[in-house]
Amino acid sequence: MKAEELRAYTLSELHKLLRQKREELRKLRYQNAQSPLPKAPSLIPALRKDIARILTVINEKRRIQSA
């Protein structure tokens, strides 16, 4: 997911998406700990980057609102 796509979302939608991504990451980490998955090594860093992008856009929107 690109940051430009995320900027179109509202804050509440971004928070919902953030919860979903964190839950997905938690599940992948659990599955990977139980038995290493062939896809998991590439999915986990991608999810972490998506979460970071979402948090960045949330912070940008908060700064815009407070300014």
N, C-alpha and C. Protein backbone atom coordinates (compact mmCIF):
# COMPACT_ATOMS: atom_id res chain seq x y z
N MET A 1 0.84 -1.17 0.00
CA MET A 1 0.00 0.00 0.00
C MET A 1 0.89 1.24 0.00
N LYS A 2 0.59 2.17 -0.89
CA LYS A 2 1.39 3.37 -1.00
C LYS A 2 0.83 4.47 -0.11
N ALA A 3 1.70 5.40 0.27
CA ALA A 3 1.30 6.49 1.15
C ALA A 3 0.25 7.37 0.47
N GLU A 4 0.35 7.55 -0.83
CA GLU A 4 -0.64 8.38 -1.53
C GLU A 4 -2.03 7.76 -1.45
N GLU A 5 -2.11 6.43 -1.52
CA GLU A 5 -3.39 5.75 -1.39
C GLU A 5 -3.94 5.94 0.02
N LEU A 6 -3.06 5.89 1.00
CA LEU A 6 -3.48 6.01 2.39
C LEU A 6 -3.98 7.41 2.73
N ARG A 7 -3.45 8.41 2.05
CA ARG A 7 -3.86 9.79 2.35
C ARG A 7 -5.32 10.04 1.99
N ALA A 8 -5.90 9.19 1.16
CA ALA A 8 -7.31 9.35 0.78
C ALA A 8 -8.25 8.88 1.89
N TYR A 9 -7.75 8.09 2.83
CA TYR A 9 -8.57 7.57 3.92
C TYR A 9 -8.76 8.62 5.01
N THR A 10 -9.86 8.47 5.78
CA THR A 10 -10.08 9.32 6.94
C THR A 10 -9.28 8.75 8.12
N LEU A 11 -9.20 9.51 9.19
CA LEU A 11 -8.46 9.05 10.37
C LEU A 11 -9.06 7.77 10.95
N SER A 12 -10.36 7.70 11.03
CA SER A 12 -11.00 6.50 11.59
C SER A 12 -10.74 5.28 10.71
N GLU A 13 -10.77 5.47 9.39
CA GLU A 13 -10.47 4.36 8.48
C GLU A 13 -9.01 3.92 8.62
N LEU A 14 -8.13 4.89 8.81
CA LEU A 14 -6.71 4.55 8.99
C LEU A 14 -6.49 3.77 10.28
N HIS A 15 -7.18 4.15 11.34
CA HIS A 15 -7.04 3.43 12.60
C HIS A 15 -7.58 2.00 12.48
N LYS A 16 -8.67 1.84 11.76
CA LYS A 16 -9.23 0.51 11.54
C LYS A 16 -8.26 -0.35 10.72
N LEU A 17 -7.69 0.24 9.68
CA LEU A 17 -6.72 -0.46 8.83
C LEU A 17 -5.47 -0.82 9.64
N LEU A 18 -5.05 0.08 10.52
CA LEU A 18 -3.89 -0.17 11.37
C LEU A 18 -4.14 -1.36 12.29
N ARG A 19 -5.33 -1.42 12.89
CA ARG A 19 -5.68 -2.57 13.74
C ARG A 19 -5.65 -3.86 12.95
N GLN A 20 -6.18 -3.84 11.74
CA GLN A 20 -6.21 -5.03 10.89
C GLN A 20 -4.80 -5.50 10.55
N LYS A 21 -3.94 -4.56 10.17
CA LYS A 21 -2.57 -4.91 9.80
C LYS A 21 -1.79 -5.46 11.00
N ARG A 22 -2.00 -4.85 12.17
CA ARG A 22 -1.31 -5.34 13.36
C ARG A 22 -1.78 -6.74 13.74
N GLU A 23 -3.07 -6.99 13.59
CA GLU A 23 -3.61 -8.33 13.87
C GLU A 23 -3.04 -9.35 12.88
N GLU A 24 -2.97 -8.97 11.62
CA GLU A 24 -2.41 -9.84 10.60
C GLU A 24 -0.94 -10.14 10.89
N LEU A 25 -0.20 -9.13 11.30
CA LEU A 25 1.21 -9.31 11.65
C LEU A 25 1.36 -10.25 12.85
N ARG A 26 0.49 -10.07 13.84
CA ARG A 26 0.54 -10.93 15.03
C ARG A 26 0.30 -12.38 14.64
N LYS A 27 -0.68 -12.62 13.78
CA LYS A 27 -0.98 -13.98 13.35
C LYS A 27 0.18 -14.59 12.55
N LEU A 28 0.76 -13.78 11.67
CA LEU A 28 1.89 -14.29 10.88
C LEU A 28 3.08 -14.64 11.76
N ARG A 29 3.35 -13.79 12.74
CA ARG A 29 4.47 -14.07 13.66
C ARG A 29 4.22 -15.35 14.45
N TYR A 30 2.98 -15.53 14.86
CA TYR A 30 2.63 -16.74 15.61
C TYR A 30 2.81 -17.97 14.73
N GLN A 31 2.28 -17.91 13.50
CA GLN A 31 2.41 -19.04 12.58
C GLN A 31 3.87 -19.32 12.26
N ASN A 32 4.65 -18.28 12.10
CA ASN A 32 6.06 -18.44 11.77
C ASN A 32 6.83 -19.05 12.95
N ALA A 33 6.42 -18.74 14.16
CA ALA A 33 7.08 -19.31 15.34
C ALA A 33 6.74 -20.79 15.50
N GLN A 34 5.52 -21.16 15.14
CA GLN A 34 5.10 -22.56 15.25
C GLN A 34 5.83 -23.43 14.24
N SER A 35 5.80 -23.05 13.01
CA SER A 35 6.54 -23.74 11.94
C SER A 35 6.83 -22.72 10.86
N PRO A 36 8.09 -22.51 10.57
CA PRO A 36 8.45 -21.47 9.61
C PRO A 36 7.73 -21.65 8.27
N LEU A 37 7.11 -20.58 7.83
CA LEU A 37 6.38 -20.58 6.58
C LEU A 37 7.28 -20.07 5.46
N PRO A 38 7.16 -20.63 4.27
CA PRO A 38 8.01 -20.16 3.18
C PRO A 38 7.70 -18.72 2.78
N LYS A 39 6.42 -18.27 2.95
CA LYS A 39 6.05 -16.90 2.56
C LYS A 39 6.31 -15.90 3.68
N ALA A 40 6.32 -16.34 4.91
CA ALA A 40 6.37 -15.43 6.06
C ALA A 40 7.59 -14.52 6.07
N PRO A 41 8.78 -14.99 5.75
CA PRO A 41 9.92 -14.07 5.81
C PRO A 41 9.76 -12.83 4.93
N SER A 42 9.07 -12.93 3.82
CA SER A 42 8.88 -11.75 2.99
C SER A 42 7.63 -10.97 3.37
N LEU A 43 6.65 -11.63 3.99
CA LEU A 43 5.42 -10.94 4.37
C LEU A 43 5.57 -10.10 5.62
N ILE A 44 6.33 -10.58 6.58
CA ILE A 44 6.47 -9.87 7.85
C ILE A 44 7.10 -8.48 7.65
N PRO A 45 8.22 -8.36 6.96
CA PRO A 45 8.76 -7.00 6.75
C PRO A 45 7.83 -6.10 5.93
N ALA A 46 7.12 -6.69 4.98
CA ALA A 46 6.19 -5.89 4.18
C ALA A 46 5.06 -5.35 5.05
N LEU A 47 4.55 -6.16 5.96
CA LEU A 47 3.50 -5.70 6.87
C LEU A 47 4.01 -4.62 7.81
N ARG A 48 5.23 -4.80 8.29
CA ARG A 48 5.81 -3.79 9.18
C ARG A 48 5.95 -2.45 8.46
N LYS A 49 6.33 -2.48 7.20
CA LYS A 49 6.45 -1.25 6.42
C LYS A 49 5.08 -0.62 6.18
N ASP A 50 4.07 -1.46 5.92
CA ASP A 50 2.72 -0.94 5.75
C ASP A 50 2.25 -0.24 7.02
N ILE A 51 2.52 -0.86 8.16
CA ILE A 51 2.13 -0.28 9.45
C ILE A 51 2.84 1.06 9.65
N ALA A 52 4.11 1.13 9.30
CA ALA A 52 4.86 2.38 9.44
C ALA A 52 4.29 3.46 8.53
N ARG A 53 3.90 3.09 7.32
CA ARG A 53 3.31 4.06 6.39
C ARG A 53 1.98 4.58 6.94
N ILE A 54 1.17 3.68 7.48
CA ILE A 54 -0.11 4.09 8.04
C ILE A 54 0.10 5.05 9.20
N LEU A 55 1.04 4.73 10.09
CA LEU A 55 1.33 5.62 11.22
C LEU A 55 1.84 6.97 10.76
N THR A 56 2.64 6.99 9.70
CA THR A 56 3.15 8.24 9.17
C THR A 56 2.01 9.11 8.65
N VAL A 57 1.09 8.52 7.91
CA VAL A 57 -0.03 9.28 7.37
C VAL A 57 -0.94 9.77 8.50
N ILE A 58 -1.15 8.94 9.52
CA ILE A 58 -1.95 9.36 10.68
C ILE A 58 -1.31 10.58 11.34
N ASN A 59 0.00 10.54 11.54
CA ASN A 59 0.69 11.67 12.16
C ASN A 59 0.63 12.91 11.28
N GLU A 60 0.75 12.74 9.96
CA GLU A 60 0.63 13.89 9.05
C GLU A 60 -0.74 14.53 9.18
N LYS A 61 -1.78 13.71 9.20
CA LYS A 61 -3.14 14.24 9.29
C LYS A 61 -3.37 14.94 10.63
N ARG A 62 -2.82 14.40 11.70
CA ARG A 62 -2.97 15.03 13.02
C ARG A 62 -2.28 16.40 13.05
N ARG A 63 -1.09 16.48 12.42
CA ARG A 63 -0.38 17.75 12.40
C ARG A 63 -1.15 18.79 11.60
N ILE A 64 -1.75 18.37 10.50
CA ILE A 64 -2.53 19.28 9.68
C ILE A 64 -3.74 19.81 10.46
N GLN A 65 -4.39 18.92 11.20
CA GLN A 65 -5.57 19.32 11.98
C GLN A 65 -5.21 20.29 13.10
N SER A 66 -4.05 20.07 13.73
CA SER A 66 -3.69 20.94 14.86
C SER A 66 -3.09 22.26 14.42
N ALA A 67 -2.66 22.36 13.18
CA ALA A 67 -2.05 23.61 12.70
C ALA A 67 -3.07 24.64 12.28
